[in-house]
Protein backbone atom coordinates (compact mmCIF):
# COMPACT_ATOMS: atom_id res chain seq x y z
CA MET A 1 164.61 38.80 195.79
CA SER A 2 166.38 38.71 199.17
CA ASP A 3 169.81 39.46 197.71
CA VAL A 4 168.48 42.47 195.84
CA LEU A 5 166.79 43.93 198.91
CA VAL A 6 169.81 43.34 201.16
CA ASN A 7 172.03 45.02 198.55
CA LEU A 8 169.66 47.99 198.38
CA MET A 9 169.92 48.38 202.15
CA GLY A 10 173.71 48.44 201.81
CA PRO A 11 176.18 45.64 202.39
CA ALA A 12 177.92 47.55 205.18
CA THR A 13 174.77 47.65 207.32
CA GLY A 14 175.22 44.12 208.63
CA PHE A 15 171.60 43.22 207.88
CA THR A 16 170.71 39.61 207.12
CA SER A 17 167.47 38.40 205.61
CA THR A 18 165.29 35.32 205.58
CA VAL A 19 162.10 34.42 203.78
CA VAL A 20 159.22 33.47 206.09
CA ASP A 21 155.48 32.94 205.79
CA VAL A 22 153.47 35.97 206.97
CA ASN A 23 149.68 35.82 206.76
CA GLY A 24 149.89 33.07 204.15
CA ALA A 25 152.35 34.85 201.85
CA PRO A 26 156.15 34.89 201.63
CA ALA A 27 157.82 37.89 203.25
CA MET A 28 161.36 39.06 203.92
CA VAL A 29 162.50 39.50 207.51
CA PHE A 30 165.54 41.75 207.90
CA ARG A 31 167.63 41.36 211.04
CA ASP A 32 170.31 43.52 212.55
CA GLY A 33 172.09 40.88 214.56
CA SER A 34 169.32 39.08 216.44
CA ARG A 35 166.90 42.07 216.33
CA VAL A 36 164.20 42.16 213.64
CA ALA A 37 164.51 45.57 211.94
CA ALA A 38 161.93 45.22 209.14
CA VAL A 39 159.38 42.88 207.60
CA LEU A 40 158.57 43.36 203.90
CA ASN A 41 156.16 41.69 201.53
CA LEU A 42 155.86 42.36 197.81
CA ARG A 43 152.61 41.54 196.05
CA ILE A 44 153.47 40.44 192.52
CA GLN A 45 150.87 40.58 189.77
CA PHE A 46 151.56 39.94 186.10
CA ARG A 47 155.31 39.78 186.85
CA ARG A 48 155.31 43.30 188.31
CA VAL A 49 155.22 44.67 191.81
CA ALA A 50 151.58 45.51 192.50
CA GLY A 51 151.92 46.33 196.18
CA LEU A 52 154.34 46.64 199.06
CA TRP A 53 153.67 45.93 202.71
CA ALA A 54 156.41 47.03 205.09
CA VAL A 55 156.69 47.23 208.86
CA LEU A 56 159.58 49.28 210.22
CA ASN A 57 158.01 50.62 213.42
CA PRO A 58 159.84 49.09 216.42
CA ASP A 59 156.61 49.02 218.46
CA LYS A 60 154.87 46.97 215.76
CA LEU A 61 157.90 44.66 215.48
CA ARG A 62 158.00 44.00 219.23
CA HIS A 63 156.30 40.58 218.93
CA TRP A 64 158.87 39.58 216.28
CA ASN A 65 161.69 40.33 218.70
CA THR A 66 160.24 38.23 221.52
CA ARG A 67 160.20 35.00 219.52
C-alpha cells in the first residue's frame, strides 16, 4: 500500500512513508524530509476500501512534528 500511495503523490515530491500504529490501526505517515505532511488510514472491508481517514492540516499535525 505504501508504494502505491507514494507513487500517487508523485516520485518527484521527495515524500517518504512509513507504516505506524494510529489508534490501534495501521496508518501511513508521509514525511517531507523530517516534517510530517500527512497521516492516512484506509479502512478495508471485504477486500475493498470502506473508509479513508486523512489529516493534512498542519495545525492538527503539530504534535506529530514535535516527536
